[in-house]
């Protein structure tokens, strides 16, 4: 294969991923985790990390939704305050309204 074909193969079928500006300690921890738990398979480690983040985000959103449902239920069960009809004057006095 000539050099152009090799380059085209790498572009069309990428088998590697490169990151820049990764802190040294983070890189070392990532590589150590890949070696210890994934037998050096960095791609599977990255997938595992991403899956965990997505699941954590979904769990957090579901918990927030559940909390909101509880709050709405509590607000719906509260007795509604009596409303005043009529006109409120600048002095604060209401005219023509009855309490319902």
Protein backbone atom coordinates (compact mmCIF):
# COMPACT_ATOMS: atom_id res chain seq x y z
CA UNK A 1 0.00 0.00 0.00
CA UNK A 2 1.27 3.38 -0.76
CA UNK A 3 1.16 6.19 1.76
CA UNK A 4 -1.99 7.81 0.31
CA UNK A 5 -3.99 4.59 0.63
CA UNK A 6 -2.85 4.16 4.24
CA UNK A 7 -3.92 7.68 5.05
CA UNK A 8 -7.31 7.19 3.36
CA UNK A 9 -7.82 3.96 5.31
CA UNK A 10 -7.11 5.74 8.60
CA UNK A 11 -9.54 8.54 7.74
CA UNK A 12 -12.34 6.30 6.46
CA UNK A 13 -11.95 3.60 9.13
CA UNK A 14 -10.52 5.31 12.20
CA UNK A 15 -9.28 2.93 14.86
CA UNK A 16 -7.84 5.44 17.25
CA UNK A 17 -8.90 8.47 19.21
CA UNK A 18 -6.52 11.20 20.26
CA UNK A 19 -6.98 13.66 23.11
CA UNK A 20 -4.95 16.78 23.68
CA UNK A 21 -4.40 18.73 26.87
CA UNK A 22 -5.21 15.91 29.29
CA UNK A 23 -3.69 16.45 32.73
CA UNK A 24 -0.88 13.99 33.41
CA UNK A 25 -2.47 12.54 36.57
CA UNK A 26 -5.81 12.05 34.81
CA UNK A 27 -4.12 10.28 31.90
CA UNK A 28 -2.16 8.02 34.25
CA UNK A 29 -5.32 7.11 36.19
CA UNK A 30 -7.21 6.43 32.96
CA UNK A 31 -4.47 4.17 31.62
CA UNK A 32 -4.13 2.37 34.98
CA UNK A 33 -7.87 1.73 35.11
CA UNK A 34 -7.83 0.48 31.52
CA UNK A 35 -5.01 -1.92 32.35
CA UNK A 36 -6.47 -3.19 35.61
CA UNK A 37 -10.16 -3.53 34.80
CA UNK A 38 -10.35 -3.67 31.00
CA UNK A 39 -7.14 -5.51 30.09
CA UNK A 40 -5.79 -2.43 28.36
CA UNK A 41 -8.88 -1.84 26.21
CA UNK A 42 -9.14 1.94 26.42
CA UNK A 43 -12.11 2.07 24.07
CA UNK A 44 -14.22 -0.12 26.34
CA UNK A 45 -13.18 1.92 29.35
CA UNK A 46 -14.29 5.08 27.58
CA UNK A 47 -17.61 3.45 26.67
CA UNK A 48 -18.10 2.26 30.26
CA UNK A 49 -17.41 5.76 31.58
CA UNK A 50 -19.80 7.37 29.10
CA UNK A 51 -22.55 4.83 29.82
CA UNK A 52 -22.18 5.53 33.53
CA UNK A 53 -22.45 9.28 32.98
CA UNK A 54 -25.56 8.95 30.85
CA UNK A 55 -27.22 6.62 33.36
CA UNK A 56 -26.33 8.97 36.20
CA UNK A 57 -27.77 11.92 34.29
CA UNK A 58 -30.98 10.02 33.54
CA UNK A 59 -31.32 8.93 37.16
CA UNK A 60 -30.81 12.52 38.31
CA UNK A 61 -33.43 13.84 35.88
CA UNK A 62 -35.91 11.14 36.93
CA UNK A 63 -35.36 11.99 40.60
CA UNK A 64 -35.93 15.69 39.91
CA UNK A 65 -39.11 14.83 38.00
CA UNK A 66 -40.36 12.73 40.90
CA UNK A 67 -39.61 15.57 43.34
CA UNK A 68 -41.56 17.97 41.15
CA UNK A 69 -44.52 15.58 41.00
CA UNK A 70 -44.57 15.42 44.80
CA UNK A 71 -44.41 19.21 45.09
CA UNK A 72 -47.22 19.68 42.55
CA UNK A 73 -49.33 17.13 44.40
CA UNK A 74 -48.78 18.98 47.67
CA UNK A 75 -49.68 22.30 46.09
CA UNK A 76 -52.84 20.85 44.53
CA UNK A 77 -53.97 19.49 47.90
CA UNK A 78 -53.56 22.85 49.65
CA UNK A 79 -56.78 24.77 50.11
CA UNK A 80 -57.00 27.65 47.68
CA UNK A 81 -56.88 31.09 49.28
CA UNK A 82 -60.01 33.14 49.15
CA UNK A 83 -59.95 35.49 46.25
CA UNK A 84 -61.23 39.03 46.26
CA UNK A 85 -63.11 40.51 43.36
CA UNK A 86 -63.57 44.15 42.72
CA UNK A 87 -61.29 47.11 42.41
CA UNK A 88 -58.45 47.96 44.72
CA UNK A 89 -57.91 51.67 45.22
CA UNK A 90 -54.52 53.29 45.75
CA UNK A 91 -55.24 53.49 49.45
CA UNK A 92 -55.56 49.70 49.55
CA UNK A 93 -59.34 49.74 50.05
CA UNK A 94 -61.35 47.33 47.92
CA UNK A 95 -64.62 48.42 46.34
CA UNK A 96 -67.37 46.18 45.03
CA UNK A 97 -65.87 42.85 45.81
CA UNK A 98 -67.03 39.95 47.90
CA UNK A 99 -64.97 37.19 49.34
CA UNK A 100 -65.74 33.85 47.76
